[in-house]
Amino acid sequence: AVAVSVSAHGEWTTLSASSDAGPSGVVHRHVALRNAQGEERVDVDLALFSAKSCALRIIQNESGNNALAEVMQSEKCLAGVNGGYFNPEFAPIGLRIINGQIVTPLVRARLLTGLLVSSSRGVQILRIREFSIRSKVDSAVECGPFLVELGQPIRGLDNTRAARRTFAVTASPDRVALGFCSEVSLAGLSQILSTARLADDFKVQRALNLDGGSSSAFWVARNDGAPISISEQKSVRDFIGMIPRR
């Protein structure tokens, strides 16, 4: 029954797509998709950028008083999403590296399977085993689960619980994206990211799930008009901001 359910949600067709140019080469992409049975429709928003021209910053929100949109504007970011998981005491769960300093340690846990990392080598999504604490990293956030590996969907992801999702993507050639998806299961999002045509010249190689549900938030600057902003529904512990590489 599970195999039938997964395959039934496997094919997604594009209903509409649009793009907005932003500063420093960042592009906002909005794609509306429907699954093959027509039962589900989702909207995907992406902030697309070159891994060579941009870097990532992890921005703490220790008080919980700040919202993604105001932080992105005050910090002059090009785009951003909410960050990683946190516990009921509002403490981050998993590794955080901010400005080259380890703020919270690496955690071994079932869900925490990957890292979003920014360094002189660019922006990467790494498996925990691929990461060395001795490597020179400017910013990192530990999260998960992995959604896509080598362009293929990850097997065994939950296919029953639909929620808002935020995620990070590395794609060929030399592209990185921060993204938001309206309510969908983890398995559904995995299928979308690995099979749907989300943008020209954009083939997803790896994708990592970030904190989702009511934490999910997305913001991207535009050259013309107001920024695109999807607000979080509760306070979150940290944000991932995209900035021009110096």
Protein backbone atom coordinates (compact mmCIF):
# COMPACT_ATOMS: atom_id res chain seq x y z
CA ALA A 1 0.00 0.00 0.00
CA VAL A 2 2.85 2.33 0.81
CA ALA A 3 4.51 1.74 -2.58
CA VAL A 4 1.24 2.50 -4.37
CA SER A 5 0.78 5.67 -2.32
CA VAL A 6 4.29 6.95 -3.08
CA SER A 7 4.01 6.25 -6.82
CA ALA A 8 0.61 7.92 -6.93
CA HIS A 9 2.21 11.12 -5.67
CA GLY A 10 5.28 10.73 -7.85
CA GLU A 11 4.39 12.80 -10.91
CA TRP A 12 3.85 16.53 -10.75
CA THR A 13 2.95 18.81 -13.63
CA THR A 14 3.55 22.56 -13.82
CA LEU A 15 0.43 24.71 -13.88
CA SER A 16 2.23 28.05 -14.03
CA ALA A 17 5.64 29.57 -13.41
CA SER A 18 7.01 33.10 -13.11
CA SER A 19 10.34 34.77 -12.31
CA ASP A 20 11.40 38.09 -10.74
CA ALA A 21 14.93 39.48 -10.91
CA GLY A 22 16.56 40.68 -7.70
CA PRO A 23 19.83 42.40 -6.82
CA SER A 24 23.21 40.66 -7.28
CA GLY A 25 21.78 38.15 -9.72
CA VAL A 26 19.27 36.57 -7.33
CA VAL A 27 16.09 35.35 -9.03
CA HIS A 28 12.76 34.64 -7.35
CA ARG A 29 10.94 31.76 -9.00
CA HIS A 30 7.31 30.85 -8.24
CA VAL A 31 5.99 27.53 -9.57
CA ALA A 32 2.48 26.12 -9.14
CA LEU A 33 2.31 22.34 -9.46
CA ARG A 34 -0.37 19.65 -9.44
CA ASN A 35 0.10 15.93 -8.96
CA ALA A 36 -0.92 13.51 -11.69
CA GLN A 37 -4.22 12.65 -10.00
CA GLY A 38 -5.13 16.31 -9.62
CA GLU A 39 -5.78 15.81 -5.91
CA GLU A 40 -2.95 18.01 -4.66
CA ARG A 41 -1.79 21.44 -5.72
CA VAL A 42 1.29 23.05 -4.23
CA ASP A 43 3.17 26.30 -4.68
CA VAL A 44 6.97 26.35 -4.61
CA ASP A 45 8.95 29.56 -4.12
CA LEU A 46 12.69 29.58 -4.78
CA ALA A 47 15.45 32.14 -4.34
CA LEU A 48 17.97 31.06 -6.99
CA PHE A 49 21.57 32.22 -7.01
CA SER A 50 25.07 31.34 -8.13
CA ALA A 51 27.13 29.56 -5.51
CA LYS A 52 30.12 31.65 -6.63
CA SER A 53 28.52 35.08 -6.17
CA CYS A 54 26.68 34.63 -2.86
CA ALA A 55 27.34 33.32 0.64
CA LEU A 56 25.10 32.30 3.54
CA ARG A 57 24.83 33.82 7.00
CA ILE A 58 23.23 32.21 10.04
CA ILE A 59 21.53 34.95 12.06
CA GLN A 60 20.48 34.23 15.64
CA ASN A 61 17.11 35.28 17.05
CA GLU A 62 17.78 34.56 20.73
CA SER A 63 14.94 36.74 22.02
CA GLY A 64 12.44 35.38 19.51
CA ASN A 65 11.24 38.95 19.00
CA ASN A 66 12.33 39.36 15.39
CA ALA A 67 10.60 38.16 12.22
CA LEU A 68 12.38 36.96 9.09
CA ALA A 69 11.27 39.90 6.94
CA GLU A 70 12.57 42.60 9.28
CA VAL A 71 15.86 40.78 9.88
CA MET A 72 16.49 40.27 6.16
CA GLN A 73 15.94 43.97 5.50
CA SER A 74 17.94 45.24 8.47
CA GLU A 75 20.86 42.91 7.65
CA LYS A 76 20.66 43.83 3.93
CA CYS A 77 20.25 40.22 2.83
CA LEU A 78 19.23 39.25 -0.69
CA ALA A 79 16.97 36.40 0.43
CA GLY A 80 16.39 34.15 3.40
CA VAL A 81 14.42 31.45 5.16
CA ASN A 82 13.98 30.26 8.72
CA GLY A 83 16.80 28.07 10.02
CA GLY A 84 17.12 24.82 11.93
CA TYR A 85 15.35 23.01 14.72
CA PHE A 86 15.09 24.23 18.30
CA ASN A 87 13.75 22.76 21.54
CA PRO A 88 10.87 23.96 23.77
CA GLU A 89 13.37 26.05 25.74
CA PHE A 90 14.19 27.88 22.47
CA ALA A 91 17.73 26.47 22.28
CA PRO A 92 19.08 25.39 18.87
CA ILE A 93 19.23 21.66 18.15
CA GLY A 94 22.28 20.64 16.13
CA LEU A 95 25.42 22.32 14.87
CA ARG A 96 25.49 26.06 14.27
CA ILE A 97 28.61 27.82 13.00
CA ILE A 98 28.34 31.59 12.87
CA ASN A 99 31.15 33.82 11.59
CA GLY A 100 33.51 30.84 11.74
CA GLN A 101 32.73 30.07 15.39
CA ILE A 102 30.98 26.94 16.64
CA VAL A 103 27.97 28.18 18.62
CA THR A 104 26.27 24.81 19.27
CA PRO A 105 27.72 21.31 18.77
CA LEU A 106 27.00 18.63 16.20
CA VAL A 107 24.21 16.24 17.27
CA ARG A 108 23.70 12.64 16.14
CA ALA A 109 19.98 12.15 15.64
CA ARG A 110 17.70 10.31 13.21
CA LEU A 111 16.29 13.44 11.57
CA LEU A 112 19.52 15.46 11.56
CA THR A 113 21.21 13.92 8.53
CA GLY A 114 22.80 16.91 6.81
CA LEU A 115 24.43 20.31 6.96
CA LEU A 116 24.01 23.47 4.93
CA VAL A 117 27.50 24.97 4.82
CA SER A 118 29.00 28.19 3.46
CA SER A 119 32.79 28.54 3.07
CA SER A 120 35.43 29.75 0.63
CA ARG A 121 34.49 26.69 -1.47
CA GLY A 122 30.96 28.02 -1.92
CA VAL A 123 27.63 26.82 -0.57
CA GLN A 124 27.30 23.06 -0.06
CA ILE A 125 24.89 20.51 1.37
CA LEU A 126 26.87 17.81 3.17
CA ARG A 127 26.12 14.52 4.82
CA ILE A 128 27.20 14.47 8.48
CA ARG A 129 29.94 11.95 7.65
CA GLU A 130 31.37 14.27 4.98
CA PHE A 131 31.87 17.14 7.39
CA SER A 132 35.05 17.72 9.37
CA ILE A 133 34.92 20.01 12.39
CA ARG A 134 38.46 21.08 11.44
CA SER A 135 37.41 22.41 8.05
CA LYS A 136 37.29 26.18 7.66
CA VAL A 137 33.59 27.02 7.52
CA ASP A 138 32.05 30.49 7.79
CA SER A 139 28.45 29.38 8.41
CA ALA A 140 26.69 26.07 8.98
CA VAL A 141 23.35 24.77 10.17
CA GLU A 142 22.57 21.11 10.88
CA CYS A 143 19.14 19.92 9.81
CA GLY A 144 17.31 17.21 7.87
CA PRO A 145 16.17 14.88 6.63
CA PHE A 146 17.89 14.74 3.23
CA LEU A 147 15.25 15.07 0.48
CA VAL A 148 17.32 14.48 -2.68
CA GLU A 149 20.67 12.75 -3.22
CA LEU A 150 22.43 12.61 -6.62
CA GLY A 151 19.26 13.90 -8.25
CA GLN A 152 17.16 11.03 -6.87
CA PRO A 153 14.35 11.16 -4.28
CA ILE A 154 15.15 9.72 -0.86
CA ARG A 155 13.23 6.54 -0.11
CA GLY A 156 11.27 5.98 3.08
CA LEU A 157 10.28 9.59 3.81
CA ASP A 158 6.92 10.23 5.49
CA ASN A 159 4.07 10.42 2.99
CA THR A 160 1.19 11.07 5.39
CA ARG A 161 1.73 14.43 7.07
CA ALA A 162 1.35 17.54 4.96
CA ALA A 163 2.92 20.76 6.29
CA ARG A 164 4.57 23.93 5.09
CA ARG A 165 8.20 23.23 4.24
CA THR A 166 11.43 25.16 3.88
CA PHE A 167 14.52 23.65 2.30
CA ALA A 168 17.90 24.26 0.69
CA VAL A 169 19.01 22.93 -2.70
CA THR A 170 22.28 22.59 -4.58
CA ALA A 171 21.83 22.12 -8.31
CA SER A 172 23.88 21.87 -11.45
CA PRO A 173 25.40 23.86 -12.91
CA ASP A 174 26.71 25.84 -9.89
CA ARG A 175 23.31 26.86 -8.57
CA VAL A 176 21.98 27.07 -5.05
CA ALA A 177 18.45 27.78 -3.87
CA LEU A 178 16.59 28.47 -0.67
CA GLY A 179 12.97 27.42 -0.97
CA PHE A 180 9.47 27.27 0.51
CA CYS A 181 6.66 24.87 -0.38
CA SER A 182 3.01 25.07 0.63
CA GLU A 183 1.57 22.10 2.49
CA VAL A 184 3.05 18.82 1.26
CA SER A 185 4.52 15.63 2.77
CA LEU A 186 8.27 15.08 2.97
CA ALA A 187 7.95 12.31 0.35
CA GLY A 188 5.94 14.63 -1.89
CA LEU A 189 8.53 17.40 -1.60
CA SER A 190 11.31 14.91 -2.35
CA GLN A 191 9.50 13.88 -5.54
CA ILE A 192 8.86 17.48 -6.57
CA LEU A 193 12.46 18.57 -6.11
CA SER A 194 13.89 15.55 -7.93
CA THR A 195 11.46 15.36 -10.87
CA ALA A 196 9.63 18.65 -11.51
CA ARG A 197 11.03 21.28 -13.87
CA LEU A 198 11.36 24.15 -11.42
CA ALA A 199 13.59 26.44 -13.51
CA ASP A 200 15.58 26.40 -16.74
CA ASP A 201 19.09 24.96 -16.50
CA PHE A 202 18.42 23.78 -12.93
CA LYS A 203 18.83 20.11 -12.02
CA VAL A 204 18.62 19.43 -8.30
CA GLN A 205 21.55 17.34 -7.04
CA ARG A 206 20.99 17.55 -3.28
CA ALA A 207 18.19 18.94 -1.14
CA LEU A 208 17.98 19.28 2.64
CA ASN A 209 14.83 19.86 4.68
CA LEU A 210 14.91 22.74 7.18
CA ASP A 211 12.58 23.37 10.12
CA GLY A 212 9.05 23.31 8.70
CA GLY A 213 5.42 23.68 9.66
CA SER A 214 4.64 26.89 11.53
CA SER A 215 8.37 27.78 11.50
CA SER A 216 8.49 27.98 7.70
CA ALA A 217 9.23 31.44 6.31
CA PHE A 218 10.62 32.81 3.03
CA TRP A 219 11.80 36.24 1.88
CA VAL A 220 13.52 37.51 -1.25
CA ALA A 221 14.36 41.03 -2.47
CA ARG A 222 13.22 42.23 -5.90
CA ASN A 223 14.55 44.98 -8.14
CA ASP A 224 11.07 46.31 -8.83
CA GLY A 225 8.57 46.69 -6.02
CA ALA A 226 8.20 45.14 -2.60
CA PRO A 227 10.07 41.97 -1.60
CA ILE A 228 8.37 38.58 -1.74
CA SER A 229 7.59 37.62 1.86
CA ILE A 230 5.93 34.57 3.44
CA SER A 231 5.88 35.01 7.22
CA GLU A 232 6.54 32.40 9.86
CA GLN A 233 3.56 31.54 12.09
CA LYS A 234 5.57 31.41 15.32
CA SER A 235 8.90 32.72 16.62
CA VAL A 236 11.95 30.85 15.30
CA ARG A 237 15.44 30.56 16.78
CA ASP A 238 17.53 31.50 13.76
CA PHE A 239 17.46 32.57 10.13
CA ILE A 240 19.48 31.69 7.04
CA GLY A 241 20.27 34.80 5.02
CA MET A 242 21.83 35.03 1.57
CA ILE A 243 24.38 37.84 1.09
CA PRO A 244 26.67 38.91 -1.78
CA ARG A 245 30.07 37.22 -1.56
CA ARG A 246 32.79 39.73 -0.71
